[in-house]
Amino acid sequence: MSPFSSIFCPHTPIPTSTSSTSAHFSFSFPGFPGGILGPDLIDKMTAQATEAGATFEYEEVHGIDTSTRPLRVAHGWDPEAPEWMTADTVIIATGAAAKRLDIPGTGDGPNGFWQRGVSACAVCDGAIMAKDTQSFVIGGGDAACEEALYLTKFASEVHLVVRRDALRASVVMANRVKEHPKI
């Protein structure tokens, strides 16, 4: 019997995660000493899971009944009449969401600059918003460093704003940022 039965992916033909699909490179995933592109990592993981017998279901999960073993998963396109399947293990991976700072002018609305100069995704918006500008990335972890490195393709200069005297990023990522002449 396969260790997997189904992997549910919401509404899309490819497994998605903000961090994995938009990340330029991941240097912290075991087995890829030179790093790997986020989408390439997802492709490899999908292929390996498929070889192990997993099937991918691209539909909404509406609930999990944990009162019985195996667990019962309600899924399907109609939440009022879900289909049910069983699973010994369920992994809930809800994805990532940007942390928006409460800084005047960065919000939504007529007085805010959200998506008009303020963004949470360099890969999504960098080519448009950062072209030939001084850009700022707030944060000191791997995600912020990755965004800063990506912006160097477009911005004239990238400022990485951190709260501490050191980056929280992995050593490899921190070194790449420190050595980049545009950051």
Protein backbone atom coordinates (compact mmCIF):
# COMPACT_ATOMS: atom_id res chain seq x y z
CA MET A 1 0.00 0.00 0.00
CA SER A 2 1.21 3.48 -0.84
CA PRO A 3 2.12 5.78 2.05
CA PHE A 4 0.06 8.41 0.24
CA SER A 5 -3.45 8.27 -1.08
CA SER A 6 -4.28 11.80 -2.14
CA ILE A 7 -2.76 15.21 -1.77
CA PHE A 8 -5.24 18.06 -2.00
CA CYS A 9 -4.31 21.26 -3.74
CA PRO A 10 -6.76 24.17 -3.78
CA HIS A 11 -8.23 25.21 -7.15
CA THR A 12 -5.06 25.00 -9.19
CA PRO A 13 -3.38 22.46 -11.45
CA ILE A 14 -0.05 22.79 -9.65
CA PRO A 15 0.74 22.51 -5.95
CA THR A 16 1.24 26.04 -4.69
CA SER A 17 2.90 27.81 -1.85
CA THR A 18 3.78 31.44 -1.91
CA SER A 19 7.24 30.76 -0.56
CA SER A 20 8.02 27.80 -2.79
CA THR A 21 6.62 28.91 -6.12
CA SER A 22 7.89 32.45 -6.01
CA ALA A 23 11.22 31.88 -4.27
CA HIS A 24 14.07 32.46 -6.64
CA PHE A 25 16.38 29.96 -4.96
CA SER A 26 16.27 27.78 -1.87
CA PHE A 27 19.66 27.09 -0.36
CA SER A 28 18.39 25.38 2.76
CA PHE A 29 16.70 22.30 1.30
CA PRO A 30 18.75 19.10 1.83
CA GLY A 31 20.12 17.36 -1.24
CA PHE A 32 20.70 20.46 -3.38
CA PRO A 33 24.12 21.84 -2.40
CA GLY A 34 24.04 24.65 -4.98
CA GLY A 35 20.44 25.58 -4.21
CA ILE A 36 17.30 24.92 -6.24
CA LEU A 37 14.58 27.09 -7.72
CA GLY A 38 11.30 26.94 -5.77
CA PRO A 39 9.22 25.75 -8.75
CA ASP A 40 11.85 23.10 -9.62
CA LEU A 41 11.77 21.83 -6.03
CA ILE A 42 7.98 21.53 -6.20
CA ASP A 43 8.24 19.62 -9.51
CA LYS A 44 10.75 17.17 -8.02
CA MET A 45 8.70 16.66 -4.85
CA THR A 46 5.55 16.11 -6.91
CA ALA A 47 7.32 13.57 -9.13
CA GLN A 48 8.68 11.70 -6.09
CA ALA A 49 5.28 11.62 -4.37
CA THR A 50 3.67 10.38 -7.61
CA GLU A 51 6.28 7.60 -7.93
CA ALA A 52 5.46 6.59 -4.36
CA GLY A 53 1.80 6.22 -5.31
CA ALA A 54 0.34 9.60 -4.38
CA THR A 55 -2.45 11.06 -6.41
CA PHE A 56 -3.19 14.76 -6.51
CA GLU A 57 -6.73 16.03 -6.07
CA TYR A 58 -7.25 19.64 -7.08
CA GLU A 59 -10.31 20.50 -5.08
CA GLU A 60 -11.32 22.22 -1.89
CA VAL A 61 -11.11 20.46 1.48
CA HIS A 62 -14.16 21.42 3.54
CA GLY A 63 -13.44 19.67 6.79
CA ILE A 64 -11.75 16.84 8.63
CA ASP A 65 -13.55 14.48 10.98
CA THR A 66 -11.00 13.61 13.67
CA SER A 67 -13.45 11.67 15.87
CA THR A 68 -12.64 8.41 14.11
CA ARG A 69 -9.62 6.55 12.73
CA PRO A 70 -8.79 6.63 9.95
CA LEU A 71 -9.54 10.34 9.66
CA ARG A 72 -12.33 11.34 7.29
CA VAL A 73 -11.72 14.20 4.87
CA ALA A 74 -14.64 16.09 3.31
CA HIS A 75 -13.69 17.34 -0.14
CA GLY A 76 -15.12 18.24 -3.50
CA TRP A 77 -16.44 21.22 -5.38
CA ASP A 78 -19.73 21.46 -3.47
CA PRO A 79 -19.32 22.20 0.27
CA GLU A 80 -23.00 21.39 0.85
CA ALA A 81 -22.58 17.86 -0.55
CA PRO A 82 -18.94 16.89 -0.04
CA GLU A 83 -17.37 13.61 -1.00
CA TRP A 84 -15.54 11.76 1.78
CA MET A 85 -12.25 9.89 1.82
CA THR A 86 -10.19 8.44 4.64
CA ALA A 87 -6.58 9.06 5.57
CA ASP A 88 -4.30 7.87 8.34
CA THR A 89 -2.47 11.19 8.30
CA VAL A 90 -3.50 14.66 7.20
CA ILE A 91 -0.97 17.44 6.77
CA ILE A 92 -2.47 20.91 6.86
CA ALA A 93 -0.30 23.29 4.85
CA THR A 94 -2.10 26.61 4.61
CA GLY A 95 0.67 28.53 2.89
CA ALA A 96 2.23 31.81 3.80
CA ALA A 97 0.90 35.32 3.97
CA ALA A 98 2.84 38.54 3.92
CA LYS A 99 3.20 40.42 7.18
CA ARG A 100 2.01 43.93 6.44
CA LEU A 101 3.49 46.58 8.68
CA ASP A 102 1.35 49.24 10.29
CA ILE A 103 3.24 52.17 8.82
CA PRO A 104 1.32 55.28 7.71
CA GLY A 105 0.90 55.34 3.93
CA THR A 106 1.56 51.66 3.33
CA GLY A 107 -2.03 50.46 3.56
CA ASP A 108 -4.91 50.12 1.12
CA GLY A 109 -7.25 52.89 0.14
CA PRO A 110 -6.90 56.35 -1.37
CA ASN A 111 -4.14 57.45 1.03
CA GLY A 112 -2.20 54.22 0.92
CA PHE A 113 0.50 53.03 -1.42
CA TRP A 114 -0.24 49.28 -1.27
CA GLN A 115 0.45 47.95 -4.81
CA ARG A 116 1.44 51.50 -5.81
CA GLY A 117 5.01 51.37 -4.58
CA VAL A 118 4.50 49.13 -1.54
CA SER A 119 4.42 45.39 -2.14
CA ALA A 120 5.02 42.08 -0.39
CA CYS A 121 6.30 40.22 -3.44
CA ALA A 122 9.47 41.20 -5.27
CA VAL A 123 8.99 38.40 -7.82
CA CYS A 124 5.44 39.59 -8.54
CA ASP A 125 6.03 43.33 -8.60
CA GLY A 126 9.76 43.99 -8.71
CA ALA A 127 10.17 44.42 -12.46
CA ILE A 128 7.43 47.06 -12.49
CA MET A 129 7.88 48.86 -9.18
CA ALA A 130 11.63 48.70 -8.62
CA LYS A 131 13.06 49.48 -12.06
CA ASP A 132 15.96 51.92 -11.66
CA THR A 133 14.94 52.89 -8.11
CA GLN A 134 16.34 52.67 -4.62
CA SER A 135 14.25 49.91 -3.08
CA PHE A 136 13.79 48.82 0.52
CA VAL A 137 13.17 45.33 1.86
CA ILE A 138 12.17 44.97 5.50
CA GLY A 139 13.34 41.84 7.29
CA GLY A 140 16.46 39.83 7.95
CA GLY A 141 15.40 36.24 7.33
CA ASP A 142 15.80 34.05 4.26
CA ALA A 143 12.62 35.36 2.61
CA ALA A 144 13.66 39.01 2.95
CA CYS A 145 17.18 38.25 1.72
CA GLU A 146 15.77 36.35 -1.26
CA GLU A 147 13.51 39.29 -2.12
CA ALA A 148 16.43 41.73 -1.83
CA LEU A 149 18.62 39.60 -4.09
CA TYR A 150 15.85 39.33 -6.66
CA LEU A 151 15.29 43.10 -6.67
CA THR A 152 18.95 43.68 -7.60
CA LYS A 153 17.98 42.66 -11.15
CA PHE A 154 15.88 45.81 -11.46
CA ALA A 155 16.67 48.34 -8.73
CA SER A 156 19.71 50.60 -8.80
CA GLU A 157 20.22 49.95 -5.09
CA VAL A 158 18.49 47.75 -2.48
CA HIS A 159 18.41 48.60 1.22
CA LEU A 160 17.77 45.72 3.61
CA VAL A 161 16.19 47.10 6.81
CA VAL A 162 16.65 44.81 9.82
CA ARG A 163 15.85 45.16 13.54
CA ARG A 164 19.00 43.51 14.79
CA ASP A 165 22.71 43.79 14.24
CA ALA A 166 22.74 40.46 12.37
CA LEU A 167 20.65 38.69 9.75
CA ARG A 168 18.49 35.73 10.78
CA ALA A 169 18.95 34.21 7.33
CA SER A 170 20.94 31.05 6.69
CA VAL A 171 24.69 31.53 6.46
CA VAL A 172 24.67 30.94 2.68
CA MET A 173 21.88 33.47 2.10
CA ALA A 174 23.38 36.05 4.47
CA ASN A 175 26.75 35.79 2.72
CA ARG A 176 25.14 36.26 -0.71
CA VAL A 177 23.42 39.43 0.52
CA LYS A 178 26.55 40.81 2.22
CA GLU A 179 28.65 40.20 -0.90
CA HIS A 180 26.19 41.74 -3.39
CA PRO A 181 27.35 45.20 -4.52
CA LYS A 182 23.79 46.56 -4.92
CA ILE A 183 22.69 45.70 -1.37
